[in-house]
Structures are given as structure tokens and as C-alpha cells.
Amino acid sequence: MKTSHQPDKNLNKDIISSSGTNISEVKRQNERSGLSYNQVKEMLANANQNQTH
């Protein structure tokens, strides 16, 4: 028997948090959003290191 706190394994169903946020939709949007803040920061640090050497 599946308990209510376990997420549904069906990929077609959205996962909704207790606050009402659609977790599945947030993940889909994050995948399409481009670079994260940390990725940009890392790229800039690497570019700066390459210019100083």
C-alpha cells in the first residue's frame, strides 16, 4: 500500500507541494531557463583566469 507522502512515479502527473506549488512545472521551466547564477559566476572566473595568464 502506498502512503500519501510518497511521490507518484507516473511522469505524466504533476507533483504539487503542500503550499500549492507545481514542482513539476518549476523543474520544466528551470530546464529551459538557460545558465544559472553559479554557472555564470564560474564562467566569468574562468575567463578572468585565462586573461591573466
Protein backbone atom coordinates (compact mmCIF):
# COMPACT_ATOMS: atom_id res chain seq x y z
CA MET A 1 0.00 0.00 0.00
CA LYS A 2 1.36 3.41 -0.97
CA THR A 3 1.38 6.10 1.69
CA SER A 4 0.23 9.62 0.89
CA HIS A 5 3.68 11.20 1.37
CA GLN A 6 5.33 9.18 -1.40
CA PRO A 7 5.50 10.92 -4.79
CA ASP A 8 3.63 9.35 -7.68
CA LYS A 9 6.04 7.56 -10.02
CA ASN A 10 3.86 8.42 -13.05
CA LEU A 11 5.81 11.01 -15.06
CA ASN A 12 2.62 12.37 -16.65
CA LYS A 13 1.28 13.60 -13.31
CA ASP A 14 2.34 16.90 -11.81
CA ILE A 15 3.77 16.94 -8.30
CA ILE A 16 2.14 19.63 -6.16
CA SER A 17 3.76 20.76 -2.89
CA SER A 18 1.78 21.30 0.30
CA SER A 19 1.91 25.07 -0.40
CA GLY A 20 0.32 24.55 -3.82
CA THR A 21 3.46 24.97 -5.97
CA ASN A 22 3.56 22.79 -9.07
CA ILE A 23 7.02 21.25 -8.59
CA SER A 24 6.95 19.50 -11.97
CA GLU A 25 6.29 22.78 -13.79
CA VAL A 26 9.06 24.58 -11.88
CA LYS A 27 11.52 21.87 -12.92
CA ARG A 28 10.39 22.11 -16.57
CA GLN A 29 10.85 25.89 -16.55
CA ASN A 30 14.27 25.62 -14.89
CA GLU A 31 15.46 23.27 -17.65
CA ARG A 32 14.58 25.90 -20.27
CA SER A 33 15.85 28.96 -18.40
CA GLY A 34 19.50 28.97 -19.50
CA LEU A 35 22.52 29.41 -17.26
CA SER A 36 22.19 29.61 -13.50
CA TYR A 37 23.78 32.35 -11.42
CA ASN A 38 26.53 29.97 -10.27
CA GLN A 39 27.25 28.82 -13.83
CA VAL A 40 27.70 32.42 -14.99
CA LYS A 41 29.90 33.19 -11.98
CA GLU A 42 32.09 30.16 -12.78
CA MET A 43 32.36 31.13 -16.46
CA LEU A 44 33.40 34.68 -15.56
CA ALA A 45 36.00 33.42 -13.10
CA ASN A 46 37.45 31.06 -15.71
CA ALA A 47 37.51 33.80 -18.35
CA ASN A 48 39.27 36.14 -15.92
CA GLN A 49 41.90 33.48 -15.10
CA ASN A 50 42.55 32.88 -18.80
CA GLN A 51 43.12 36.60 -19.42
CA THR A 52 45.65 36.96 -16.58
CA HIS A 53 47.85 34.05 -17.76
